[in-house]
């Protein structure tokens, strides 16, 4: 009995020193898209899904400030965003943006019709 308790305490001690995965990337429910299109994915790291939704919407507003094909070149909610996009058909494109603020990251996937 004493040996089992000692083994259990040793295992609990090992678990305490293992790195935590609490800050691993989290998939979030995608919000409604503000324009003609849809969000295809939303993933956050070291921040909340609520913050990720706010960043995604702010990025959309920044990106479409100069029309549906516009690009966002300023920070949104303190996050700097890098975007990649590809035309899927004439008048439609798919994009991915990664917005970072220190160790916090928001990854946004979207599909837009122009």
C-alpha atoms as a PDB file:
ATOM      1  CA  UNK A   1       0.000   0.000   0.000  1.00  0.00           C
ATOM      2  CA  UNK A   2       2.787   2.431   0.884  1.00  0.00           C
ATOM      3  CA  UNK A   3       4.634   1.518  -2.315  1.00  0.00           C
ATOM      4  CA  UNK A   4       1.505   2.285  -4.418  1.00  0.00           C
ATOM      5  CA  UNK A   5       1.081   5.680  -2.732  1.00  0.00           C
ATOM      6  CA  UNK A   6       4.744   6.507  -3.322  1.00  0.00           C
ATOM      7  CA  UNK A   7       4.428   5.535  -7.000  1.00  0.00           C
ATOM      8  CA  UNK A   8       1.288   7.644  -7.366  1.00  0.00           C
ATOM      9  CA  UNK A   9       2.958  10.657  -5.765  1.00  0.00           C
ATOM     10  CA  UNK A  10       5.977  10.247  -8.046  1.00  0.00           C
ATOM     11  CA  UNK A  11       3.723  10.154 -11.142  1.00  0.00           C
ATOM     12  CA  UNK A  12       1.857  13.250  -9.993  1.00  0.00           C
ATOM     13  CA  UNK A  13       5.174  15.007  -9.494  1.00  0.00           C
ATOM     14  CA  UNK A  14       6.238  14.124 -13.037  1.00  0.00           C
ATOM     15  CA  UNK A  15       2.978  15.457 -14.439  1.00  0.00           C
ATOM     16  CA  UNK A  16       3.536  18.737 -12.636  1.00  0.00           C
ATOM     17  CA  UNK A  17       6.855  19.357 -14.407  1.00  0.00           C
ATOM     18  CA  UNK A  18       5.761  18.329 -17.897  1.00  0.00           C
ATOM     19  CA  UNK A  19       5.108  21.231 -20.290  1.00  0.00           C
ATOM     20  CA  UNK A  20       1.491  22.300 -20.407  1.00  0.00           C
ATOM     21  CA  UNK A  21      -0.490  22.180 -23.647  1.00  0.00           C
ATOM     22  CA  UNK A  22      -2.966  24.756 -22.368  1.00  0.00           C
ATOM     23  CA  UNK A  23      -1.685  27.271 -24.916  1.00  0.00           C
ATOM     24  CA  UNK A  24      -1.861  24.987 -27.934  1.00  0.00           C
ATOM     25  CA  UNK A  25      -3.785  26.203 -30.964  1.00  0.00           C
ATOM     26  CA  UNK A  26      -7.544  26.135 -30.514  1.00  0.00           C
ATOM     27  CA  UNK A  27     -10.076  25.822 -33.323  1.00  0.00           C
ATOM     28  CA  UNK A  28     -12.924  28.280 -32.901  1.00  0.00           C
ATOM     29  CA  UNK A  29     -16.434  28.460 -34.298  1.00  0.00           C
ATOM     30  CA  UNK A  30     -16.313  30.735 -37.326  1.00  0.00           C
ATOM     31  CA  UNK A  31     -18.431  33.891 -37.162  1.00  0.00           C
ATOM     32  CA  UNK A  32     -20.786  35.123 -39.853  1.00  0.00           C
ATOM     33  CA  UNK A  33     -18.893  36.735 -42.719  1.00  0.00           C
ATOM     34  CA  UNK A  34     -19.631  40.466 -42.993  1.00  0.00           C
ATOM     35  CA  UNK A  35     -19.687  40.526 -46.831  1.00  0.00           C
ATOM     36  CA  UNK A  36     -20.148  38.204 -49.804  1.00  0.00           C
ATOM     37  CA  UNK A  37     -18.332  35.068 -48.745  1.00  0.00           C
ATOM     38  CA  UNK A  38     -17.611  32.979 -45.697  1.00  0.00           C
ATOM     39  CA  UNK A  39     -14.994  32.328 -43.057  1.00  0.00           C
ATOM     40  CA  UNK A  40     -13.638  28.829 -43.615  1.00  0.00           C
ATOM     41  CA  UNK A  41     -11.543  28.541 -40.449  1.00  0.00           C
ATOM     42  CA  UNK A  42     -10.540  30.386 -37.313  1.00  0.00           C
ATOM     43  CA  UNK A  43      -7.749  29.204 -35.044  1.00  0.00           C
ATOM     44  CA  UNK A  44      -6.190  31.001 -32.076  1.00  0.00           C
ATOM     45  CA  UNK A  45      -3.007  30.468 -30.083  1.00  0.00           C
ATOM     46  CA  UNK A  46      -2.471  31.994 -26.616  1.00  0.00           C
ATOM     47  CA  UNK A  47      -5.644  34.069 -26.878  1.00  0.00           C
ATOM     48  CA  UNK A  48      -9.390  33.471 -26.736  1.00  0.00           C
ATOM     49  CA  UNK A  49     -11.851  32.619 -29.476  1.00  0.00           C
ATOM     50  CA  UNK A  50     -13.762  35.817 -28.648  1.00  0.00           C
ATOM     51  CA  UNK A  51     -10.613  37.839 -29.362  1.00  0.00           C
ATOM     52  CA  UNK A  52     -10.047  35.808 -32.542  1.00  0.00           C
ATOM     53  CA  UNK A  53     -13.536  36.715 -33.808  1.00  0.00           C
ATOM     54  CA  UNK A  54     -12.870  40.408 -33.125  1.00  0.00           C
ATOM     55  CA  UNK A  55      -9.537  40.241 -34.967  1.00  0.00           C
ATOM     56  CA  UNK A  56     -11.124  38.423 -37.936  1.00  0.00           C
ATOM     57  CA  UNK A  57     -13.852  41.050 -38.275  1.00  0.00           C
ATOM     58  CA  UNK A  58     -11.381  43.931 -37.848  1.00  0.00           C
ATOM     59  CA  UNK A  59      -9.129  42.363 -40.493  1.00  0.00           C
ATOM     60  CA  UNK A  60     -12.086  42.142 -42.908  1.00  0.00           C
ATOM     61  CA  UNK A  61     -12.933  45.819 -42.309  1.00  0.00           C
ATOM     62  CA  UNK A  62      -9.312  46.859 -42.845  1.00  0.00           C
ATOM     63  CA  UNK A  63      -8.928  44.663 -45.934  1.00  0.00           C
ATOM     64  CA  UNK A  64     -12.083  45.895 -47.676  1.00  0.00           C
ATOM     65  CA  UNK A  65     -11.594  49.583 -46.824  1.00  0.00           C
ATOM     66  CA  UNK A  66     -10.580  50.241 -50.455  1.00  0.00           C
ATOM     67  CA  UNK A  67     -12.864  47.700 -52.141  1.00  0.00           C
ATOM     68  CA  UNK A  68     -13.460  43.939 -52.100  1.00  0.00           C
ATOM     69  CA  UNK A  69      -9.983  43.168 -53.512  1.00  0.00           C
ATOM     70  CA  UNK A  70      -8.189  45.445 -51.036  1.00  0.00           C
ATOM     71  CA  UNK A  71      -5.328  44.514 -48.747  1.00  0.00           C
ATOM     72  CA  UNK A  72      -4.845  45.327 -45.075  1.00  0.00           C
ATOM     73  CA  UNK A  73      -1.485  47.012 -44.473  1.00  0.00           C
ATOM     74  CA  UNK A  74      -2.049  48.356 -40.957  1.00  0.00           C
ATOM     75  CA  UNK A  75      -2.376  46.643 -37.579  1.00  0.00           C
ATOM     76  CA  UNK A  76      -5.810  45.518 -36.445  1.00  0.00           C
ATOM     77  CA  UNK A  77      -6.501  45.494 -32.693  1.00  0.00           C
ATOM     78  CA  UNK A  78      -2.692  45.599 -32.221  1.00  0.00           C
ATOM     79  CA  UNK A  79      -2.126  42.507 -34.422  1.00  0.00           C
ATOM     80  CA  UNK A  80       0.087  42.597 -37.522  1.00  0.00           C
ATOM     81  CA  UNK A  81      -1.397  40.426 -40.279  1.00  0.00           C
ATOM     82  CA  UNK A  82       0.187  38.592 -43.197  1.00  0.00           C
ATOM     83  CA  UNK A  83      -2.131  37.392 -45.937  1.00  0.00           C
ATOM     84  CA  UNK A  84      -1.935  34.910 -48.789  1.00  0.00           C
ATOM     85  CA  UNK A  85      -4.695  34.525 -51.343  1.00  0.00           C
ATOM     86  CA  UNK A  86      -5.429  32.717 -54.571  1.00  0.00           C
ATOM     87  CA  UNK A  87      -8.084  33.210 -57.211  1.00  0.00           C
ATOM     88  CA  UNK A  88     -10.375  30.182 -57.392  1.00  0.00           C
ATOM     89  CA  UNK A  89     -12.548  31.408 -60.288  1.00  0.00           C
ATOM     90  CA  UNK A  90     -13.024  34.834 -61.863  1.00  0.00           C
ATOM     91  CA  UNK A  91     -14.687  36.951 -59.195  1.00  0.00           C
ATOM     92  CA  UNK A  92     -13.858  34.587 -56.314  1.00  0.00           C
ATOM     93  CA  UNK A  93     -10.787  34.062 -54.191  1.00  0.00           C
ATOM     94  CA  UNK A  94      -9.679  32.168 -51.118  1.00  0.00           C
ATOM     95  CA  UNK A  95      -7.424  33.724 -48.524  1.00  0.00           C
ATOM     96  CA  UNK A  96      -5.528  32.907 -45.365  1.00  0.00           C
ATOM     97  CA  UNK A  97      -4.270  35.482 -42.897  1.00  0.00           C
ATOM     98  CA  UNK A  98      -2.127  35.045 -39.822  1.00  0.00           C
ATOM     99  CA  UNK A  99      -2.290  37.906 -37.357  1.00  0.00           C
ATOM    100  CA  UNK A 100       0.309  38.088 -34.571  1.00  0.00           C
ATOM    101  CA  UNK A 101       0.690  40.168 -31.431  1.00  0.00           C
ATOM    102  CA  UNK A 102       3.682  38.934 -29.478  1.00  0.00           C
ATOM    103  CA  UNK A 103       3.073  35.232 -28.841  1.00  0.00           C
ATOM    104  CA  UNK A 104      -0.642  35.550 -29.574  1.00  0.00           C
ATOM    105  CA  UNK A 105      -1.785  34.393 -33.006  1.00  0.00           C
ATOM    106  CA  UNK A 106      -5.054  34.367 -34.903  1.00  0.00           C
ATOM    107  CA  UNK A 107      -5.251  32.333 -38.125  1.00  0.00           C
ATOM    108  CA  UNK A 108      -8.149  33.236 -40.404  1.00  0.00           C
ATOM    109  CA  UNK A 109      -9.320  31.353 -43.493  1.00  0.00           C
ATOM    110  CA  UNK A 110     -11.932  32.851 -45.789  1.00  0.00           C
ATOM    111  CA  UNK A 111     -13.555  32.613 -49.222  1.00  0.00           C
ATOM    112  CA  UNK A 112     -14.862  35.771 -50.874  1.00  0.00           C
ATOM    113  CA  UNK A 113     -16.961  36.547 -53.921  1.00  0.00           C
ATOM    114  CA  UNK A 114     -16.319  39.954 -55.467  1.00  0.00           C
END
